[in-house]
Amino acid sequence: MTRCTTRISALTMWVALTLTTSAAWAADALPADVLAFAQRQASCYHFRGEEGYNAARRRELSRAVHKYCDGADRIEADLRAKYQDKPAVLDALRKAALPD
């Protein structure tokens, strides 16, 4: 596993653990689609913050940002509508949408 992949895995686990131990934990575990969104957001923020130190790295980062960041607003809006009556899930979505 590369150092970059290790950092993403660690960040993804941290996001999932943080969200599941929040107020949502008391009500029930978060839905899988919400956790997937949180993981996607963590990857988006990670790659947006990386340095493109050469042309190949810039291309790699551009592909990753496109993969993880494009469409996030639509996905978040869909999840907010789907879980509009679940305050703990909405809180988790709010936290996932904020950069750390």
N, C-alpha and C. Protein backbone atom coordinates (compact mmCIF):
# COMPACT_ATOMS: atom_id res chain seq x y z
N MET A 1 0.85 -1.17 0.00
CA MET A 1 0.00 0.00 0.00
C MET A 1 0.90 1.24 0.00
N THR A 2 0.57 2.21 -0.83
CA THR A 2 1.38 3.42 -0.88
C THR A 2 1.08 4.31 0.31
N ARG A 3 1.97 5.26 0.54
CA ARG A 3 1.77 6.18 1.65
C ARG A 3 0.49 6.99 1.47
N CYS A 4 0.20 7.39 0.24
CA CYS A 4 -1.02 8.15 -0.06
C CYS A 4 -2.26 7.31 0.24
N THR A 5 -2.25 6.05 -0.18
CA THR A 5 -3.39 5.16 0.07
C THR A 5 -3.57 4.93 1.56
N THR A 6 -2.46 4.81 2.28
CA THR A 6 -2.54 4.62 3.72
C THR A 6 -3.18 5.82 4.38
N ARG A 7 -2.79 7.02 3.94
CA ARG A 7 -3.39 8.24 4.51
C ARG A 7 -4.88 8.31 4.22
N ILE A 8 -5.28 7.96 3.01
CA ILE A 8 -6.71 7.98 2.66
C ILE A 8 -7.46 6.97 3.51
N SER A 9 -6.92 5.77 3.65
CA SER A 9 -7.59 4.74 4.45
C SER A 9 -7.74 5.20 5.89
N ALA A 10 -6.70 5.80 6.45
CA ALA A 10 -6.75 6.28 7.82
C ALA A 10 -7.79 7.40 7.95
N LEU A 11 -7.81 8.31 7.00
CA LEU A 11 -8.78 9.40 7.03
C LEU A 11 -10.20 8.87 6.89
N THR A 12 -10.40 7.93 5.99
CA THR A 12 -11.72 7.34 5.80
C THR A 12 -12.20 6.67 7.07
N MET A 13 -11.32 5.93 7.71
CA MET A 13 -11.70 5.26 8.96
C MET A 13 -12.03 6.29 10.04
N TRP A 14 -11.23 7.38 10.10
CA TRP A 14 -11.48 8.42 11.09
C TRP A 14 -12.84 9.06 10.86
N VAL A 15 -13.16 9.38 9.60
CA VAL A 15 -14.46 9.99 9.29
C VAL A 15 -15.59 9.05 9.69
N ALA A 16 -15.48 7.80 9.31
CA ALA A 16 -16.54 6.84 9.63
C ALA A 16 -16.70 6.69 11.14
N LEU A 17 -15.61 6.58 11.86
CA LEU A 17 -15.69 6.43 13.32
C LEU A 17 -16.23 7.69 13.98
N THR A 18 -15.79 8.84 13.52
CA THR A 18 -16.26 10.09 14.09
C THR A 18 -17.77 10.24 13.89
N LEU A 19 -18.23 9.95 12.68
CA LEU A 19 -19.65 10.12 12.38
C LEU A 19 -20.49 9.09 13.12
N THR A 20 -20.02 7.88 13.24
CA THR A 20 -20.85 6.86 13.89
C THR A 20 -20.84 7.00 15.40
N THR A 21 -19.88 7.72 15.95
CA THR A 21 -19.89 7.91 17.40
C THR A 21 -20.53 9.23 17.79
N SER A 22 -21.05 9.95 16.83
CA SER A 22 -21.74 11.21 17.11
C SER A 22 -23.15 10.92 17.60
N ALA A 23 -23.98 11.93 17.58
CA ALA A 23 -25.36 11.79 18.04
C ALA A 23 -26.11 10.70 17.28
N ALA A 24 -25.70 10.45 16.04
CA ALA A 24 -26.37 9.42 15.25
C ALA A 24 -26.21 8.05 15.88
N TRP A 25 -25.10 7.82 16.56
CA TRP A 25 -24.86 6.53 17.18
C TRP A 25 -25.95 6.20 18.19
N ALA A 26 -26.37 7.20 18.95
CA ALA A 26 -27.39 6.98 19.97
C ALA A 26 -28.71 6.54 19.33
N ALA A 27 -29.04 7.11 18.19
CA ALA A 27 -30.29 6.76 17.52
C ALA A 27 -30.16 5.43 16.80
N ASP A 28 -29.07 5.24 16.14
CA ASP A 28 -28.80 4.02 15.37
C ASP A 28 -27.58 4.29 14.51
N ALA A 29 -27.03 3.28 13.92
CA ALA A 29 -25.89 3.48 13.04
C ALA A 29 -26.32 4.27 11.81
N LEU A 30 -25.38 4.98 11.22
CA LEU A 30 -25.70 5.76 10.03
C LEU A 30 -25.95 4.84 8.84
N PRO A 31 -26.84 5.26 7.95
CA PRO A 31 -27.09 4.48 6.73
C PRO A 31 -25.81 4.37 5.88
N ALA A 32 -25.72 3.28 5.16
CA ALA A 32 -24.54 3.02 4.34
C ALA A 32 -24.29 4.12 3.31
N ASP A 33 -25.36 4.68 2.72
CA ASP A 33 -25.15 5.71 1.71
C ASP A 33 -24.60 7.00 2.31
N VAL A 34 -24.93 7.27 3.56
CA VAL A 34 -24.39 8.45 4.25
C VAL A 34 -22.91 8.22 4.58
N LEU A 35 -22.57 7.03 5.05
CA LEU A 35 -21.16 6.72 5.30
C LEU A 35 -20.35 6.77 4.02
N ALA A 36 -20.91 6.28 2.93
CA ALA A 36 -20.21 6.32 1.64
C ALA A 36 -19.98 7.77 1.21
N PHE A 37 -20.96 8.63 1.43
CA PHE A 37 -20.80 10.04 1.11
C PHE A 37 -19.69 10.66 1.96
N ALA A 38 -19.66 10.34 3.24
CA ALA A 38 -18.62 10.87 4.12
C ALA A 38 -17.24 10.42 3.66
N GLN A 39 -17.13 9.17 3.26
CA GLN A 39 -15.85 8.66 2.77
C GLN A 39 -15.44 9.36 1.47
N ARG A 40 -16.42 9.58 0.62
CA ARG A 40 -16.15 10.28 -0.65
C ARG A 40 -15.68 11.71 -0.37
N GLN A 41 -16.33 12.38 0.57
CA GLN A 41 -15.94 13.75 0.92
C GLN A 41 -14.53 13.78 1.48
N ALA A 42 -14.20 12.82 2.34
CA ALA A 42 -12.86 12.77 2.91
C ALA A 42 -11.82 12.62 1.80
N SER A 43 -12.10 11.79 0.81
CA SER A 43 -11.19 11.62 -0.32
C SER A 43 -11.09 12.90 -1.14
N CYS A 44 -12.22 13.56 -1.34
CA CYS A 44 -12.25 14.82 -2.08
C CYS A 44 -11.34 15.84 -1.40
N TYR A 45 -11.53 16.04 -0.11
CA TYR A 45 -10.73 17.03 0.61
C TYR A 45 -9.25 16.65 0.60
N HIS A 46 -8.98 15.37 0.70
CA HIS A 46 -7.59 14.91 0.69
C HIS A 46 -6.92 15.29 -0.63
N PHE A 47 -7.52 14.92 -1.73
CA PHE A 47 -6.90 15.16 -3.02
C PHE A 47 -6.86 16.64 -3.38
N ARG A 48 -7.87 17.40 -2.97
CA ARG A 48 -7.85 18.84 -3.24
C ARG A 48 -6.70 19.52 -2.50
N GLY A 49 -6.28 18.95 -1.39
CA GLY A 49 -5.21 19.54 -0.61
C GLY A 49 -3.81 19.06 -0.97
N GLU A 50 -3.71 18.14 -1.89
CA GLU A 50 -2.40 17.60 -2.28
C GLU A 50 -1.69 18.54 -3.25
N GLU A 51 -0.37 18.48 -3.24
CA GLU A 51 0.44 19.31 -4.12
C GLU A 51 0.70 18.61 -5.45
N GLY A 52 0.49 19.33 -6.52
CA GLY A 52 0.79 18.81 -7.86
C GLY A 52 2.20 19.21 -8.25
N TYR A 53 3.19 18.48 -7.78
CA TYR A 53 4.59 18.86 -7.91
C TYR A 53 5.18 18.58 -9.29
N ASN A 54 4.46 17.84 -10.12
CA ASN A 54 4.91 17.66 -11.51
C ASN A 54 3.67 17.35 -12.36
N ALA A 55 3.86 17.28 -13.66
CA ALA A 55 2.73 17.12 -14.58
C ALA A 55 1.97 15.83 -14.33
N ALA A 56 2.68 14.74 -14.09
CA ALA A 56 2.00 13.45 -13.86
C ALA A 56 1.17 13.51 -12.59
N ARG A 57 1.72 14.11 -11.55
CA ARG A 57 0.98 14.22 -10.28
C ARG A 57 -0.23 15.13 -10.45
N ARG A 58 -0.09 16.20 -11.20
CA ARG A 58 -1.23 17.10 -11.44
C ARG A 58 -2.35 16.36 -12.16
N ARG A 59 -1.98 15.52 -13.15
CA ARG A 59 -3.01 14.73 -13.86
C ARG A 59 -3.68 13.75 -12.90
N GLU A 60 -2.88 13.09 -12.08
CA GLU A 60 -3.42 12.14 -11.10
C GLU A 60 -4.38 12.84 -10.13
N LEU A 61 -3.98 14.01 -9.65
CA LEU A 61 -4.83 14.75 -8.72
C LEU A 61 -6.10 15.25 -9.40
N SER A 62 -5.96 15.69 -10.64
CA SER A 62 -7.13 16.15 -11.38
C SER A 62 -8.15 15.03 -11.55
N ARG A 63 -7.69 13.84 -11.89
CA ARG A 63 -8.59 12.69 -12.03
C ARG A 63 -9.25 12.35 -10.69
N ALA A 64 -8.47 12.38 -9.61
CA ALA A 64 -9.02 12.04 -8.29
C ALA A 64 -10.03 13.09 -7.83
N VAL A 65 -9.72 14.35 -8.04
CA VAL A 65 -10.67 15.42 -7.65
C VAL A 65 -11.95 15.27 -8.46
N HIS A 66 -11.81 15.00 -9.74
CA HIS A 66 -12.99 14.79 -10.58
C HIS A 66 -13.81 13.61 -10.06
N LYS A 67 -13.14 12.52 -9.73
CA LYS A 67 -13.82 11.30 -9.27
C LYS A 67 -14.55 11.51 -7.94
N TYR A 68 -13.90 12.16 -7.00
CA TYR A 68 -14.46 12.26 -5.65
C TYR A 68 -15.24 13.54 -5.37
N CYS A 69 -14.94 14.62 -6.08
CA CYS A 69 -15.58 15.90 -5.75
C CYS A 69 -16.76 16.25 -6.66
N ASP A 70 -16.69 15.86 -7.93
CA ASP A 70 -17.77 16.21 -8.86
C ASP A 70 -19.07 15.55 -8.42
N GLY A 71 -20.12 16.33 -8.38
CA GLY A 71 -21.43 15.81 -8.05
C GLY A 71 -21.71 15.72 -6.56
N ALA A 72 -20.78 16.14 -5.72
CA ALA A 72 -20.97 16.02 -4.27
C ALA A 72 -22.18 16.84 -3.80
N ASP A 73 -22.38 18.02 -4.36
CA ASP A 73 -23.52 18.85 -3.95
C ASP A 73 -24.84 18.14 -4.25
N ARG A 74 -24.93 17.52 -5.42
CA ARG A 74 -26.15 16.81 -5.79
C ARG A 74 -26.38 15.61 -4.87
N ILE A 75 -25.32 14.86 -4.60
CA ILE A 75 -25.44 13.70 -3.72
C ILE A 75 -25.88 14.13 -2.33
N GLU A 76 -25.25 15.19 -1.82
CA GLU A 76 -25.63 15.68 -0.49
C GLU A 76 -27.09 16.13 -0.47
N ALA A 77 -27.52 16.85 -1.49
CA ALA A 77 -28.91 17.31 -1.55
C ALA A 77 -29.88 16.13 -1.59
N ASP A 78 -29.54 15.11 -2.37
CA ASP A 78 -30.39 13.91 -2.44
C ASP A 78 -30.47 13.22 -1.09
N LEU A 79 -29.34 13.11 -0.40
CA LEU A 79 -29.33 12.47 0.92
C LEU A 79 -30.10 13.30 1.94
N ARG A 80 -29.97 14.62 1.89
CA ARG A 80 -30.72 15.49 2.80
C ARG A 80 -32.23 15.33 2.58
N ALA A 81 -32.64 15.23 1.34
CA ALA A 81 -34.06 15.03 1.06
C ALA A 81 -34.52 13.66 1.54
N LYS A 82 -33.71 12.65 1.30
CA LYS A 82 -34.06 11.28 1.69
C LYS A 82 -34.19 11.14 3.20
N TYR A 83 -33.31 11.83 3.94
CA TYR A 83 -33.28 11.69 5.41
C TYR A 83 -33.72 12.96 6.12
N GLN A 84 -34.63 13.70 5.50
CA GLN A 84 -35.06 14.98 6.05
C GLN A 84 -35.67 14.88 7.44
N ASP A 85 -36.20 13.74 7.79
CA ASP A 85 -36.83 13.56 9.11
C ASP A 85 -35.91 12.87 10.11
N LYS A 86 -34.61 12.83 9.81
CA LYS A 86 -33.64 12.18 10.69
C LYS A 86 -32.55 13.18 11.05
N PRO A 87 -32.75 13.92 12.16
CA PRO A 87 -31.80 14.97 12.53
C PRO A 87 -30.37 14.47 12.72
N ALA A 88 -30.19 13.29 13.26
CA ALA A 88 -28.83 12.78 13.47
C ALA A 88 -28.12 12.54 12.14
N VAL A 89 -28.86 12.07 11.15
CA VAL A 89 -28.27 11.84 9.83
C VAL A 89 -27.95 13.18 9.17
N LEU A 90 -28.85 14.15 9.31
CA LEU A 90 -28.60 15.48 8.75
C LEU A 90 -27.37 16.12 9.40
N ASP A 91 -27.20 15.90 10.68
CA ASP A 91 -26.03 16.42 11.38
C ASP A 91 -24.75 15.76 10.84
N ALA A 92 -24.81 14.48 10.62
CA ALA A 92 -23.66 13.76 10.06
C ALA A 92 -23.34 14.26 8.66
N LEU A 93 -24.36 14.53 7.86
CA LEU A 93 -24.15 15.08 6.51
C LEU A 93 -23.51 16.47 6.58
N ARG A 94 -23.96 17.27 7.53
CA ARG A 94 -23.37 18.60 7.71
C ARG A 94 -21.89 18.49 8.04
N LYS A 95 -21.56 17.59 8.95
CA LYS A 95 -20.16 17.40 9.34
C LYS A 95 -19.32 16.87 8.18
N ALA A 96 -19.89 15.98 7.40
CA ALA A 96 -19.14 15.40 6.27
C ALA A 96 -18.88 16.45 5.19
N ALA A 97 -19.75 17.43 5.08
CA ALA A 97 -19.62 18.44 4.03
C ALA A 97 -18.62 19.53 4.38
N LEU A 98 -18.15 19.54 5.62
CA LEU A 98 -17.20 20.57 6.04
C LEU A 98 -15.77 20.06 5.93
N PRO A 99 -14.90 20.87 5.35
CA PRO A 99 -13.49 20.45 5.33
C PRO A 99 -12.93 20.50 6.74
N ASP A 100 -11.98 19.63 7.03
CA ASP A 100 -11.42 19.60 8.39
C ASP A 100 -10.38 20.66 8.62
